[in-house]
Amino acid sequence: MAATNVSPKKSSVGAAIGRDQRLAQTNFCRSGHWPRPQISVLRPLSITVLHIDAAQNNCMRGHSQLRKGRRSLANQIYHVSTATHDRRPLFSDLNCGRAVVRALRYEHDAGHVDSLAFVVMPDHLHWLFALMGSRRLCESVKNVKCNSARIVKRIAGIDGLVWQKGFHDRAIRRDEDLVHVARYIVANPWRAGIVDSIRDYPLWDAKWI
């Protein structure tokens, strides 16, 4: 991916719609796990989710312990990564991967975060975003994981855990090149050998790319 003439788009998650439709016209994806999608990965949800209740809190109890001593700062940019439970490749199912993308979209559209880049790998997620307002880091990650888990369980027909407890995060320094960080994140499928070109992979987006 060339580094010339970089300019930000309005929305990372919104830009995926047009890109997904354009890439749907090609059909040279190397991995059989990733068929070319025929509709946008960001289509509206057909059922109501997106609220954390007491039952959902049980699925992510590890977050509060893992985050002790950490600070969530408004407008701070974070690179968060988290894996599926036992590293199961649940998101090799494209519909399960789309459920994660929709959960990311909700968190962005609700104004809790400014989503800058993401990639949904078969067994983990990388997400680059800025916290907005008084939103806490653990709240945004918990919302994405619990909302996506509810849909993934239904699609995959499983009753157990979808995500591992907790997550890893790195606060991005202001002097770091965000475009470089975003490119590193979305290049994960290529580095893992899943596709020959990142353009062949459906579950990623970046504000600058």
N, C-alpha and C. Protein backbone atom coordinates (compact mmCIF):
# COMPACT_ATOMS: atom_id res chain seq x y z
N MET A 1 0.85 -1.20 0.00
CA MET A 1 0.00 0.00 0.00
C MET A 1 0.87 1.24 0.00
N ALA A 2 0.71 2.10 -0.98
CA ALA A 2 1.57 3.26 -1.13
C ALA A 2 1.27 4.30 -0.09
N ALA A 3 2.25 5.14 0.22
CA ALA A 3 2.10 6.12 1.29
C ALA A 3 1.88 7.52 0.74
N THR A 4 1.57 7.67 -0.53
CA THR A 4 1.43 8.99 -1.11
C THR A 4 0.00 9.46 -1.05
N ASN A 5 -0.15 10.80 -0.96
CA ASN A 5 -1.45 11.46 -1.00
C ASN A 5 -2.44 10.86 -0.02
N VAL A 6 -2.03 10.75 1.24
CA VAL A 6 -2.90 10.19 2.26
C VAL A 6 -3.82 11.28 2.78
N SER A 7 -5.11 11.00 2.78
CA SER A 7 -6.08 11.94 3.33
C SER A 7 -7.16 11.16 4.04
N PRO A 8 -7.60 11.60 5.23
CA PRO A 8 -8.57 10.83 6.00
C PRO A 8 -9.95 10.84 5.36
N LYS A 9 -10.64 9.72 5.49
CA LYS A 9 -12.03 9.64 5.07
C LYS A 9 -12.90 10.05 6.24
N LYS A 10 -14.20 10.19 5.98
CA LYS A 10 -15.09 10.64 7.03
C LYS A 10 -15.26 9.60 8.12
N SER A 11 -15.38 8.32 7.74
CA SER A 11 -15.63 7.28 8.72
C SER A 11 -14.98 5.99 8.29
N SER A 12 -14.22 5.37 9.21
CA SER A 12 -13.59 4.10 8.90
C SER A 12 -14.61 3.03 8.60
N VAL A 13 -15.62 2.89 9.49
CA VAL A 13 -16.59 1.83 9.31
C VAL A 13 -17.50 2.10 8.13
N GLY A 14 -17.82 3.36 7.85
CA GLY A 14 -18.69 3.67 6.73
C GLY A 14 -18.01 3.43 5.39
N ALA A 15 -16.70 3.64 5.33
CA ALA A 15 -15.98 3.48 4.07
C ALA A 15 -15.95 2.04 3.60
N ALA A 16 -16.15 1.11 4.53
CA ALA A 16 -16.09 -0.31 4.15
C ALA A 16 -17.21 -0.69 3.20
N ILE A 17 -18.32 0.04 3.22
CA ILE A 17 -19.46 -0.32 2.38
C ILE A 17 -19.09 -0.24 0.91
N GLY A 18 -18.58 0.92 0.47
CA GLY A 18 -18.22 1.08 -0.93
C GLY A 18 -17.09 0.17 -1.33
N ARG A 19 -16.07 0.02 -0.44
CA ARG A 19 -14.96 -0.83 -0.78
C ARG A 19 -15.38 -2.28 -0.92
N ASP A 20 -16.28 -2.72 -0.04
CA ASP A 20 -16.73 -4.11 -0.08
C ASP A 20 -17.49 -4.39 -1.36
N GLN A 21 -18.30 -3.42 -1.82
CA GLN A 21 -19.04 -3.61 -3.05
C GLN A 21 -18.11 -3.66 -4.25
N ARG A 22 -17.04 -2.83 -4.24
CA ARG A 22 -16.10 -2.85 -5.35
C ARG A 22 -15.32 -4.15 -5.40
N LEU A 23 -14.84 -4.58 -4.22
CA LEU A 23 -14.04 -5.79 -4.19
C LEU A 23 -14.88 -7.03 -4.44
N ALA A 24 -16.20 -6.95 -4.25
CA ALA A 24 -17.06 -8.10 -4.49
C ALA A 24 -17.06 -8.51 -5.96
N GLN A 25 -16.62 -7.62 -6.84
CA GLN A 25 -16.60 -7.93 -8.26
C GLN A 25 -15.39 -8.79 -8.64
N THR A 26 -14.40 -8.90 -7.74
CA THR A 26 -13.25 -9.74 -8.01
C THR A 26 -13.43 -11.08 -7.32
N ASN A 27 -12.72 -12.09 -7.80
CA ASN A 27 -12.91 -13.43 -7.24
C ASN A 27 -11.60 -14.21 -7.30
N PHE A 28 -10.60 -13.72 -6.56
CA PHE A 28 -9.33 -14.44 -6.57
C PHE A 28 -8.79 -14.58 -5.15
N CYS A 29 -9.69 -14.74 -4.20
CA CYS A 29 -9.28 -14.92 -2.81
C CYS A 29 -8.64 -16.30 -2.64
N ARG A 30 -7.48 -16.34 -2.02
CA ARG A 30 -6.73 -17.59 -1.92
C ARG A 30 -7.36 -18.56 -0.92
N SER A 31 -7.88 -18.06 0.19
CA SER A 31 -8.37 -18.95 1.24
C SER A 31 -9.83 -19.29 1.03
N GLY A 32 -10.16 -20.57 1.12
CA GLY A 32 -11.55 -20.99 0.98
C GLY A 32 -12.42 -20.54 2.13
N HIS A 33 -11.81 -20.10 3.25
CA HIS A 33 -12.58 -19.64 4.39
C HIS A 33 -13.19 -18.26 4.18
N TRP A 34 -12.76 -17.55 3.15
CA TRP A 34 -13.18 -16.17 2.99
C TRP A 34 -13.80 -15.94 1.62
N PRO A 35 -15.02 -16.46 1.36
CA PRO A 35 -15.70 -16.20 0.09
C PRO A 35 -16.00 -14.73 -0.07
N ARG A 36 -15.99 -14.23 -1.31
CA ARG A 36 -16.25 -12.82 -1.55
C ARG A 36 -17.67 -12.47 -1.14
N PRO A 37 -17.88 -11.52 -0.23
CA PRO A 37 -19.22 -11.17 0.21
C PRO A 37 -20.02 -10.52 -0.90
N GLN A 38 -21.31 -10.79 -0.93
CA GLN A 38 -22.19 -10.21 -1.92
C GLN A 38 -22.96 -9.01 -1.39
N ILE A 39 -22.91 -8.79 -0.07
CA ILE A 39 -23.54 -7.63 0.53
C ILE A 39 -22.56 -6.99 1.49
N SER A 40 -22.84 -5.77 1.89
CA SER A 40 -21.93 -5.05 2.76
C SER A 40 -21.83 -5.73 4.11
N VAL A 41 -20.62 -5.77 4.66
CA VAL A 41 -20.45 -6.31 6.00
C VAL A 41 -21.07 -5.37 7.03
N LEU A 42 -21.45 -4.19 6.62
CA LEU A 42 -22.02 -3.21 7.55
C LEU A 42 -23.53 -3.03 7.36
N ARG A 43 -24.22 -4.04 6.84
CA ARG A 43 -25.66 -3.91 6.68
C ARG A 43 -26.30 -3.76 8.06
N PRO A 44 -27.48 -3.11 8.15
CA PRO A 44 -28.10 -2.89 9.46
C PRO A 44 -28.44 -4.21 10.14
N LEU A 45 -28.37 -4.22 11.46
CA LEU A 45 -28.75 -5.40 12.22
C LEU A 45 -30.24 -5.64 12.09
N SER A 46 -30.62 -6.90 12.01
CA SER A 46 -32.03 -7.24 11.89
C SER A 46 -32.67 -7.52 13.23
N ILE A 47 -31.86 -7.58 14.30
CA ILE A 47 -32.41 -7.76 15.62
C ILE A 47 -31.80 -6.74 16.55
N THR A 48 -32.42 -6.51 17.68
CA THR A 48 -31.95 -5.50 18.60
C THR A 48 -30.95 -6.11 19.57
N VAL A 49 -29.74 -5.49 19.62
CA VAL A 49 -28.74 -5.89 20.59
C VAL A 49 -28.24 -4.61 21.23
N LEU A 50 -26.96 -4.58 21.55
CA LEU A 50 -26.24 -3.35 21.82
C LEU A 50 -26.49 -2.72 23.18
N HIS A 51 -26.94 -3.47 24.16
CA HIS A 51 -27.02 -2.95 25.51
C HIS A 51 -26.45 -3.99 26.47
N ILE A 52 -25.60 -3.55 27.36
CA ILE A 52 -25.01 -4.46 28.33
C ILE A 52 -25.96 -4.62 29.50
N ASP A 53 -26.31 -5.87 29.84
CA ASP A 53 -27.15 -6.13 31.00
C ASP A 53 -26.39 -7.02 31.97
N ALA A 54 -27.03 -7.40 33.07
CA ALA A 54 -26.35 -8.18 34.10
C ALA A 54 -25.87 -9.52 33.57
N ALA A 55 -26.67 -10.14 32.72
CA ALA A 55 -26.28 -11.44 32.18
C ALA A 55 -25.05 -11.32 31.30
N GLN A 56 -25.00 -10.26 30.49
CA GLN A 56 -23.84 -10.07 29.62
C GLN A 56 -22.58 -9.78 30.42
N ASN A 57 -22.74 -9.08 31.55
CA ASN A 57 -21.57 -8.75 32.35
C ASN A 57 -20.84 -10.00 32.82
N ASN A 58 -21.59 -11.09 33.01
CA ASN A 58 -20.98 -12.32 33.46
C ASN A 58 -19.95 -12.86 32.48
N CYS A 59 -20.16 -12.58 31.18
CA CYS A 59 -19.27 -13.15 30.18
C CYS A 59 -17.92 -12.46 30.16
N MET A 60 -17.80 -11.27 30.77
CA MET A 60 -16.56 -10.51 30.69
C MET A 60 -16.04 -10.07 32.05
N ARG A 61 -16.20 -10.89 33.09
CA ARG A 61 -15.77 -10.51 34.43
C ARG A 61 -14.27 -10.23 34.50
N GLY A 62 -13.51 -10.84 33.62
CA GLY A 62 -12.07 -10.66 33.67
C GLY A 62 -11.61 -9.26 33.35
N HIS A 63 -12.44 -8.45 32.70
CA HIS A 63 -12.02 -7.12 32.31
C HIS A 63 -11.65 -6.24 33.50
N SER A 64 -12.51 -6.24 34.53
CA SER A 64 -12.28 -5.31 35.64
C SER A 64 -10.96 -5.61 36.35
N GLN A 65 -10.62 -6.90 36.50
CA GLN A 65 -9.37 -7.25 37.14
C GLN A 65 -8.17 -6.90 36.27
N LEU A 66 -8.28 -7.16 34.98
CA LEU A 66 -7.16 -6.90 34.07
C LEU A 66 -6.87 -5.41 33.96
N ARG A 67 -7.89 -4.59 34.09
CA ARG A 67 -7.71 -3.16 33.86
C ARG A 67 -7.34 -2.37 35.10
N LYS A 68 -7.19 -3.00 36.27
CA LYS A 68 -6.83 -2.27 37.47
C LYS A 68 -5.52 -1.52 37.27
N GLY A 69 -5.50 -0.26 37.70
CA GLY A 69 -4.29 0.54 37.58
C GLY A 69 -4.13 1.21 36.24
N ARG A 70 -5.02 0.94 35.28
CA ARG A 70 -4.94 1.57 33.97
C ARG A 70 -5.88 2.77 33.91
N ARG A 71 -5.57 3.71 33.06
CA ARG A 71 -6.39 4.92 32.92
C ARG A 71 -6.99 4.98 31.52
N SER A 72 -8.24 5.43 31.45
CA SER A 72 -8.91 5.67 30.17
C SER A 72 -8.98 7.17 29.98
N LEU A 73 -8.35 7.68 28.93
CA LEU A 73 -8.26 9.11 28.71
C LEU A 73 -9.08 9.50 27.48
N ALA A 74 -9.89 10.56 27.63
CA ALA A 74 -10.68 11.06 26.51
C ALA A 74 -9.75 11.48 25.38
N ASN A 75 -10.11 11.10 24.16
CA ASN A 75 -9.37 11.42 22.94
C ASN A 75 -8.05 10.66 22.81
N GLN A 76 -7.74 9.82 23.79
CA GLN A 76 -6.54 8.98 23.67
C GLN A 76 -6.80 7.90 22.62
N ILE A 77 -5.79 7.64 21.80
CA ILE A 77 -5.91 6.61 20.77
C ILE A 77 -5.29 5.31 21.29
N TYR A 78 -6.02 4.22 21.13
CA TYR A 78 -5.58 2.92 21.60
C TYR A 78 -5.56 1.91 20.47
N HIS A 79 -4.60 0.99 20.54
CA HIS A 79 -4.60 -0.21 19.70
C HIS A 79 -4.94 -1.37 20.63
N VAL A 80 -6.12 -1.94 20.42
CA VAL A 80 -6.61 -3.04 21.26
C VAL A 80 -6.59 -4.33 20.46
N SER A 81 -6.16 -5.40 21.09
CA SER A 81 -6.25 -6.72 20.47
C SER A 81 -6.85 -7.69 21.48
N THR A 82 -7.66 -8.60 20.99
CA THR A 82 -8.28 -9.61 21.84
C THR A 82 -8.58 -10.83 21.00
N ALA A 83 -8.55 -11.99 21.62
CA ALA A 83 -8.67 -13.26 20.89
C ALA A 83 -9.94 -14.00 21.29
N THR A 84 -10.31 -14.95 20.47
CA THR A 84 -11.43 -15.81 20.80
C THR A 84 -11.03 -16.79 21.90
N HIS A 85 -12.02 -17.36 22.56
CA HIS A 85 -11.75 -18.33 23.61
C HIS A 85 -11.07 -19.56 23.02
N ASP A 86 -9.94 -19.93 23.61
CA ASP A 86 -9.15 -21.06 23.13
C ASP A 86 -8.67 -20.88 21.69
N ARG A 87 -8.65 -19.64 21.24
CA ARG A 87 -8.20 -19.30 19.88
C ARG A 87 -8.96 -20.09 18.80
N ARG A 88 -10.24 -20.30 19.03
CA ARG A 88 -11.05 -20.98 18.02
C ARG A 88 -11.26 -20.05 16.82
N PRO A 89 -11.09 -20.53 15.60
CA PRO A 89 -11.23 -19.67 14.41
C PRO A 89 -12.69 -19.43 14.03
N LEU A 90 -13.44 -18.86 14.96
CA LEU A 90 -14.88 -18.67 14.75
C LEU A 90 -15.17 -17.71 13.61
N PHE A 91 -14.28 -16.75 13.39
CA PHE A 91 -14.54 -15.73 12.39
C PHE A 91 -14.09 -16.15 11.00
N SER A 92 -13.69 -17.43 10.86
CA SER A 92 -13.52 -17.99 9.52
C SER A 92 -14.87 -18.07 8.82
N ASP A 93 -15.93 -18.13 9.62
CA ASP A 93 -17.29 -17.98 9.09
C ASP A 93 -17.53 -16.50 8.85
N LEU A 94 -17.72 -16.11 7.61
CA LEU A 94 -17.83 -14.70 7.27
C LEU A 94 -18.96 -14.01 8.01
N ASN A 95 -20.08 -14.69 8.23
CA ASN A 95 -21.20 -14.09 8.94
C ASN A 95 -20.85 -13.81 10.40
N CYS A 96 -20.06 -14.68 11.00
CA CYS A 96 -19.60 -14.42 12.37
C CYS A 96 -18.66 -13.22 12.39
N GLY A 97 -17.78 -13.12 11.40
CA GLY A 97 -16.90 -11.96 11.31
C GLY A 97 -17.68 -10.67 11.13
N ARG A 98 -18.74 -10.73 10.34
CA ARG A 98 -19.59 -9.54 10.14
C ARG A 98 -20.25 -9.09 11.44
N ALA A 99 -20.58 -10.04 12.29
CA ALA A 99 -21.18 -9.69 13.58
C ALA A 99 -20.23 -8.82 14.40
N VAL A 100 -18.94 -9.10 14.33
CA VAL A 100 -17.95 -8.28 15.03
C VAL A 100 -17.88 -6.89 14.41
N VAL A 101 -17.88 -6.83 13.08
CA VAL A 101 -17.83 -5.53 12.39
C VAL A 101 -19.03 -4.68 12.77
N ARG A 102 -20.21 -5.28 12.85
CA ARG A 102 -21.41 -4.52 13.21
C ARG A 102 -21.33 -4.00 14.64
N ALA A 103 -20.74 -4.80 15.54
CA ALA A 103 -20.57 -4.34 16.91
C ALA A 103 -19.59 -3.17 16.98
N LEU A 104 -18.54 -3.21 16.16
CA LEU A 104 -17.62 -2.07 16.07
C LEU A 104 -18.34 -0.84 15.52
N ARG A 105 -19.18 -1.06 14.53
CA ARG A 105 -19.92 0.04 13.93
C ARG A 105 -20.84 0.71 14.95
N TYR A 106 -21.51 -0.09 15.76
CA TYR A 106 -22.40 0.49 16.76
C TYR A 106 -21.63 1.39 17.73
N GLU A 107 -20.50 0.90 18.20
CA GLU A 107 -19.73 1.67 19.17
C GLU A 107 -19.27 2.99 18.56
N HIS A 108 -18.94 2.98 17.26
CA HIS A 108 -18.55 4.20 16.56
C HIS A 108 -19.75 5.12 16.35
N ASP A 109 -20.84 4.56 15.83
CA ASP A 109 -22.02 5.38 15.52
C ASP A 109 -22.67 5.96 16.77
N ALA A 110 -22.52 5.29 17.89
CA ALA A 110 -23.07 5.78 19.15
C ALA A 110 -22.25 6.94 19.73
N GLY A 111 -21.11 7.22 19.11
CA GLY A 111 -20.27 8.32 19.57
C GLY A 111 -19.37 7.97 20.73
N HIS A 112 -19.26 6.68 21.06
CA HIS A 112 -18.40 6.28 22.17
C HIS A 112 -16.92 6.29 21.77
N VAL A 113 -16.65 6.00 20.50
CA VAL A 113 -15.28 5.97 20.00
C VAL A 113 -15.25 6.57 18.60
N ASP A 114 -14.06 6.94 18.17
CA ASP A 114 -13.82 7.27 16.77
C ASP A 114 -12.99 6.12 16.21
N SER A 115 -13.63 5.22 15.47
CA SER A 115 -12.96 4.03 14.96
C SER A 115 -12.05 4.41 13.80
N LEU A 116 -10.77 4.08 13.91
CA LEU A 116 -9.78 4.49 12.92
C LEU A 116 -9.36 3.35 12.00
N ALA A 117 -9.26 2.14 12.54
CA ALA A 117 -8.87 0.98 11.73
C ALA A 117 -9.21 -0.28 12.50
N PHE A 118 -9.47 -1.35 11.77
CA PHE A 118 -9.68 -2.65 12.41
C PHE A 118 -9.43 -3.76 11.41
N VAL A 119 -9.16 -4.94 11.93
CA VAL A 119 -9.16 -6.15 11.13
C VAL A 119 -9.67 -7.29 12.01
N VAL A 120 -10.62 -8.05 11.49
CA VAL A 120 -11.15 -9.21 12.19
C VAL A 120 -10.48 -10.44 11.60
N MET A 121 -9.58 -11.04 12.36
CA MET A 121 -8.88 -12.24 11.94
C MET A 121 -9.71 -13.47 12.32
N PRO A 122 -9.38 -14.65 11.81
CA PRO A 122 -10.18 -15.84 12.14
C PRO A 122 -10.33 -16.09 13.63
N ASP A 123 -9.30 -15.75 14.44
CA ASP A 123 -9.39 -16.04 15.87
C ASP A 123 -9.05 -14.85 16.76
N HIS A 124 -8.97 -13.65 16.21
CA HIS A 124 -8.72 -12.49 17.05
C HIS A 124 -9.08 -11.20 16.31
N LEU A 125 -9.06 -10.11 17.08
CA LEU A 125 -9.43 -8.79 16.56
C LEU A 125 -8.34 -7.79 16.89
N HIS A 126 -8.02 -6.92 15.92
CA HIS A 126 -7.19 -5.74 16.14
C HIS A 126 -8.06 -4.52 15.87
N TRP A 127 -7.99 -3.53 16.75
CA TRP A 127 -8.86 -2.36 16.63
C TRP A 127 -8.10 -1.11 17.07
N LEU A 128 -8.05 -0.11 16.21
CA LEU A 128 -7.42 1.18 16.50
C LEU A 128 -8.52 2.23 16.59
N PHE A 129 -8.60 2.92 17.72
CA PHE A 129 -9.68 3.89 17.90
C PHE A 129 -9.31 4.92 18.96
N ALA A 130 -10.05 6.03 18.94
CA ALA A 130 -9.90 7.07 19.95
C ALA A 130 -11.13 7.05 20.85
N LEU A 131 -10.92 7.10 22.15
CA LEU A 131 -12.04 7.18 23.08
C LEU A 131 -12.67 8.56 23.02
N MET A 132 -13.98 8.62 23.13
CA MET A 132 -14.69 9.89 23.06
C MET A 132 -15.39 10.17 24.39
N GLY A 133 -15.41 11.43 24.78
CA GLY A 133 -16.14 11.83 25.98
C GLY A 133 -15.61 11.13 27.22
N SER A 134 -16.55 10.65 28.04
CA SER A 134 -16.18 9.99 29.30
C SER A 134 -16.15 8.48 29.18
N ARG A 135 -16.20 7.97 27.97
CA ARG A 135 -16.21 6.52 27.76
C ARG A 135 -14.93 5.89 28.30
N ARG A 136 -15.09 4.78 29.00
CA ARG A 136 -13.93 4.04 29.50
C ARG A 136 -13.52 2.97 28.50
N LEU A 137 -12.22 2.70 28.46
CA LEU A 137 -11.69 1.72 27.51
C LEU A 137 -12.36 0.36 27.69
N CYS A 138 -12.46 -0.10 28.92
CA CYS A 138 -13.01 -1.43 29.16
C CYS A 138 -14.48 -1.50 28.75
N GLU A 139 -15.21 -0.39 28.86
CA GLU A 139 -16.62 -0.38 28.47
C GLU A 139 -16.79 -0.57 26.97
N SER A 140 -15.97 0.10 26.20
CA SER A 140 -16.07 -0.04 24.74
C SER A 140 -15.71 -1.44 24.29
N VAL A 141 -14.64 -2.00 24.85
CA VAL A 141 -14.23 -3.35 24.46
C VAL A 141 -15.29 -4.36 24.91
N LYS A 142 -15.81 -4.19 26.11
CA LYS A 142 -16.84 -5.11 26.61
C LYS A 142 -18.09 -5.05 25.73
N ASN A 143 -18.48 -3.86 25.33
CA ASN A 143 -19.67 -3.71 24.49
C ASN A 143 -19.50 -4.46 23.18
N VAL A 144 -18.35 -4.29 22.54
CA VAL A 144 -18.10 -4.96 21.26
C VAL A 144 -18.09 -6.47 21.44
N LYS A 145 -17.43 -6.95 22.46
CA LYS A 145 -17.30 -8.39 22.65
C LYS A 145 -18.64 -9.04 23.02
N CYS A 146 -19.37 -8.43 23.92
CA CYS A 146 -20.63 -9.05 24.35
C CYS A 146 -21.70 -8.97 23.26
N ASN A 147 -21.78 -7.86 22.56
CA ASN A 147 -22.77 -7.74 21.50
C ASN A 147 -22.48 -8.68 20.34
N SER A 148 -21.22 -8.79 19.96
CA SER A 148 -20.87 -9.70 18.88
C SER A 148 -21.02 -11.16 19.32
N ALA A 149 -20.68 -11.47 20.57
CA ALA A 149 -20.78 -12.84 21.06
C ALA A 149 -22.21 -13.36 20.98
N ARG A 150 -23.17 -12.50 21.28
CA ARG A 150 -24.57 -12.93 21.25
C ARG A 150 -24.96 -13.40 19.85
N ILE A 151 -24.50 -12.68 18.83
CA ILE A 151 -24.85 -13.05 17.45
C ILE A 151 -24.03 -14.25 16.99
N VAL A 152 -22.75 -14.28 17.33
CA VAL A 152 -21.88 -15.38 16.91
C VAL A 152 -22.39 -16.70 17.49
N LYS A 153 -22.83 -16.70 18.72
CA LYS A 153 -23.36 -17.92 19.32
C LYS A 153 -24.54 -18.46 18.53
N ARG A 154 -25.39 -17.55 18.11
CA ARG A 154 -26.57 -17.99 17.35
C ARG A 154 -26.16 -18.53 15.98
N ILE A 155 -25.23 -17.85 15.31
CA ILE A 155 -24.81 -18.28 13.97
C ILE A 155 -24.05 -19.60 14.03
N ALA A 156 -23.11 -19.69 14.98
CA ALA A 156 -22.25 -20.87 15.06
C ALA A 156 -22.89 -22.03 15.82
N GLY A 157 -24.00 -21.75 16.51
CA GLY A 157 -24.67 -22.80 17.26
C GLY A 157 -23.87 -23.29 18.45
N ILE A 158 -23.24 -22.37 19.16
CA ILE A 158 -22.45 -22.74 20.33
C ILE A 158 -23.04 -22.10 21.59
N ASP A 159 -22.77 -22.73 22.74
CA ASP A 159 -23.27 -22.22 24.02
C ASP A 159 -22.16 -21.66 24.90
N GLY A 160 -20.92 -22.00 24.60
CA GLY A 160 -19.81 -21.57 25.45
C GLY A 160 -19.34 -20.17 25.15
N LEU A 161 -18.16 -19.85 25.67
CA LEU A 161 -17.58 -18.53 25.50
C LEU A 161 -17.14 -18.31 24.05
N VAL A 162 -17.30 -17.09 23.58
CA VAL A 162 -16.81 -16.70 22.26
C VAL A 162 -15.44 -16.04 22.39
N TRP A 163 -15.29 -15.13 23.34
CA TRP A 163 -14.05 -14.37 23.51
C TRP A 163 -13.29 -14.82 24.75
N GLN A 164 -11.99 -14.65 24.72
CA GLN A 164 -11.20 -14.81 25.93
C GLN A 164 -11.50 -13.67 26.89
N LYS A 165 -11.20 -13.87 28.17
CA LYS A 165 -11.38 -12.78 29.12
C LYS A 165 -10.26 -11.76 28.94
N GLY A 166 -10.63 -10.50 29.08
CA GLY A 166 -9.65 -9.43 29.02
C GLY A 166 -9.22 -9.09 27.61
N PHE A 167 -8.23 -8.21 27.51
CA PHE A 167 -7.71 -7.77 26.23
C PHE A 167 -6.36 -7.10 26.45
N HIS A 168 -5.63 -6.92 25.38
CA HIS A 168 -4.36 -6.20 25.42
C HIS A 168 -4.55 -4.84 24.76
N ASP A 169 -3.93 -3.83 25.30
CA ASP A 169 -4.04 -2.50 24.69
C ASP A 169 -2.71 -1.77 24.73
N ARG A 170 -2.56 -0.85 23.82
CA ARG A 170 -1.38 0.02 23.79
C ARG A 170 -1.84 1.43 23.46
N ALA A 171 -1.53 2.37 24.33
CA ALA A 171 -1.85 3.77 24.06
C ALA A 171 -0.86 4.29 23.02
N ILE A 172 -1.40 4.91 21.98
CA ILE A 172 -0.57 5.41 20.89
C ILE A 172 -0.06 6.81 21.22
N ARG A 173 1.23 7.01 21.11
CA ARG A 173 1.80 8.33 21.37
C ARG A 173 1.42 9.30 20.26
N ARG A 174 1.34 10.55 20.61
CA ARG A 174 0.93 11.57 19.64
C ARG A 174 1.94 11.73 18.51
N ASP A 175 3.19 11.35 18.76
CA ASP A 175 4.19 11.52 17.71
C ASP A 175 4.29 10.29 16.80
N GLU A 176 3.48 9.27 17.06
CA GLU A 176 3.50 8.09 16.21
C GLU A 176 2.72 8.34 14.93
N ASP A 177 3.12 7.68 13.87
CA ASP A 177 2.47 7.79 12.58
C ASP A 177 1.25 6.87 12.57
N LEU A 178 0.07 7.45 12.70
CA LEU A 178 -1.16 6.64 12.77
C LEU A 178 -1.41 5.87 11.49
N VAL A 179 -1.06 6.45 10.37
CA VAL A 179 -1.25 5.75 9.10
C VAL A 179 -0.40 4.49 9.08
N HIS A 180 0.83 4.59 9.57
CA HIS A 180 1.71 3.42 9.62
C HIS A 180 1.12 2.35 10.55
N VAL A 181 0.61 2.77 11.70
CA VAL A 181 0.00 1.82 12.64
C VAL A 181 -1.20 1.14 12.01
N ALA A 182 -2.04 1.93 11.32
CA ALA A 182 -3.23 1.37 10.68
C ALA A 182 -2.85 0.36 9.61
N ARG A 183 -1.85 0.69 8.82
CA ARG A 183 -1.42 -0.23 7.76
C ARG A 183 -0.86 -1.52 8.34
N TYR A 184 -0.14 -1.41 9.44
CA TYR A 184 0.38 -2.61 10.09
C TYR A 184 -0.77 -3.50 10.56
N ILE A 185 -1.81 -2.88 11.11
CA ILE A 185 -2.96 -3.64 11.62
C ILE A 185 -3.68 -4.36 10.48
N VAL A 186 -4.02 -3.64 9.43
CA VAL A 186 -4.84 -4.25 8.37
C VAL A 186 -4.03 -5.22 7.51
N ALA A 187 -2.70 -5.20 7.62
CA ALA A 187 -1.88 -6.13 6.86
C ALA A 187 -1.79 -7.50 7.52
N ASN A 188 -2.42 -7.69 8.67
CA ASN A 188 -2.33 -8.96 9.37
C ASN A 188 -2.75 -10.17 8.53
N PRO A 189 -3.84 -10.11 7.77
CA PRO A 189 -4.21 -11.29 6.96
C PRO A 189 -3.15 -11.65 5.93
N TRP A 190 -2.50 -10.65 5.36
CA TRP A 190 -1.42 -10.90 4.39
C TRP A 190 -0.21 -11.52 5.08
N ARG A 191 0.19 -10.98 6.24
CA ARG A 191 1.33 -11.54 6.96
C ARG A 191 1.06 -12.97 7.43
N ALA A 192 -0.21 -13.27 7.74
CA ALA A 192 -0.57 -14.61 8.19
C ALA A 192 -0.69 -15.60 7.04
N GLY A 193 -0.59 -15.12 5.80
CA GLY A 193 -0.68 -16.00 4.64
C GLY A 193 -2.09 -16.40 4.27
N ILE A 194 -3.08 -15.67 4.77
CA ILE A 194 -4.48 -16.00 4.46
C ILE A 194 -4.83 -15.55 3.05
N VAL A 195 -4.26 -14.42 2.63
CA VAL A 195 -4.52 -13.89 1.29
C VAL A 195 -3.21 -13.42 0.67
N ASP A 196 -3.20 -13.33 -0.65
CA ASP A 196 -2.03 -12.81 -1.35
C ASP A 196 -1.99 -11.28 -1.32
N SER A 197 -3.15 -10.67 -1.18
CA SER A 197 -3.26 -9.22 -1.13
C SER A 197 -4.33 -8.85 -0.11
N ILE A 198 -4.09 -7.79 0.66
CA ILE A 198 -5.07 -7.37 1.65
C ILE A 198 -6.39 -6.99 0.99
N ARG A 199 -6.36 -6.62 -0.28
CA ARG A 199 -7.59 -6.27 -0.98
C ARG A 199 -8.51 -7.47 -1.15
N ASP A 200 -7.97 -8.67 -0.97
CA ASP A 200 -8.77 -9.88 -1.09
C ASP A 200 -9.48 -10.25 0.21
N TYR A 201 -9.24 -9.51 1.26
CA TYR A 201 -9.77 -9.87 2.58
C TYR A 201 -10.95 -8.95 2.92
N PRO A 202 -12.09 -9.50 3.32
CA PRO A 202 -13.29 -8.67 3.47
C PRO A 202 -13.45 -7.95 4.80
N LEU A 203 -12.79 -8.40 5.87
CA LEU A 203 -13.13 -7.91 7.21
C LEU A 203 -12.07 -6.96 7.77
N TRP A 204 -11.87 -5.84 7.11
CA TRP A 204 -10.97 -4.82 7.60
C TRP A 204 -11.43 -3.46 7.08
N ASP A 205 -10.94 -2.43 7.72
CA ASP A 205 -11.13 -1.08 7.19
C ASP A 205 -10.16 -0.14 7.91
N ALA A 206 -9.85 0.97 7.27
CA ALA A 206 -8.99 1.99 7.86
C ALA A 206 -9.41 3.35 7.33
N LYS A 207 -9.33 4.34 8.15
CA LYS A 207 -9.80 5.67 7.81
C LYS A 207 -8.99 6.30 6.68
N TRP A 208 -7.74 5.89 6.55
CA TRP A 208 -6.85 6.53 5.60
C TRP A 208 -6.61 5.70 4.33
N ILE A 209 -7.15 4.49 4.29
CA ILE A 209 -6.79 3.55 3.21
C ILE A 209 -7.99 3.22 2.35
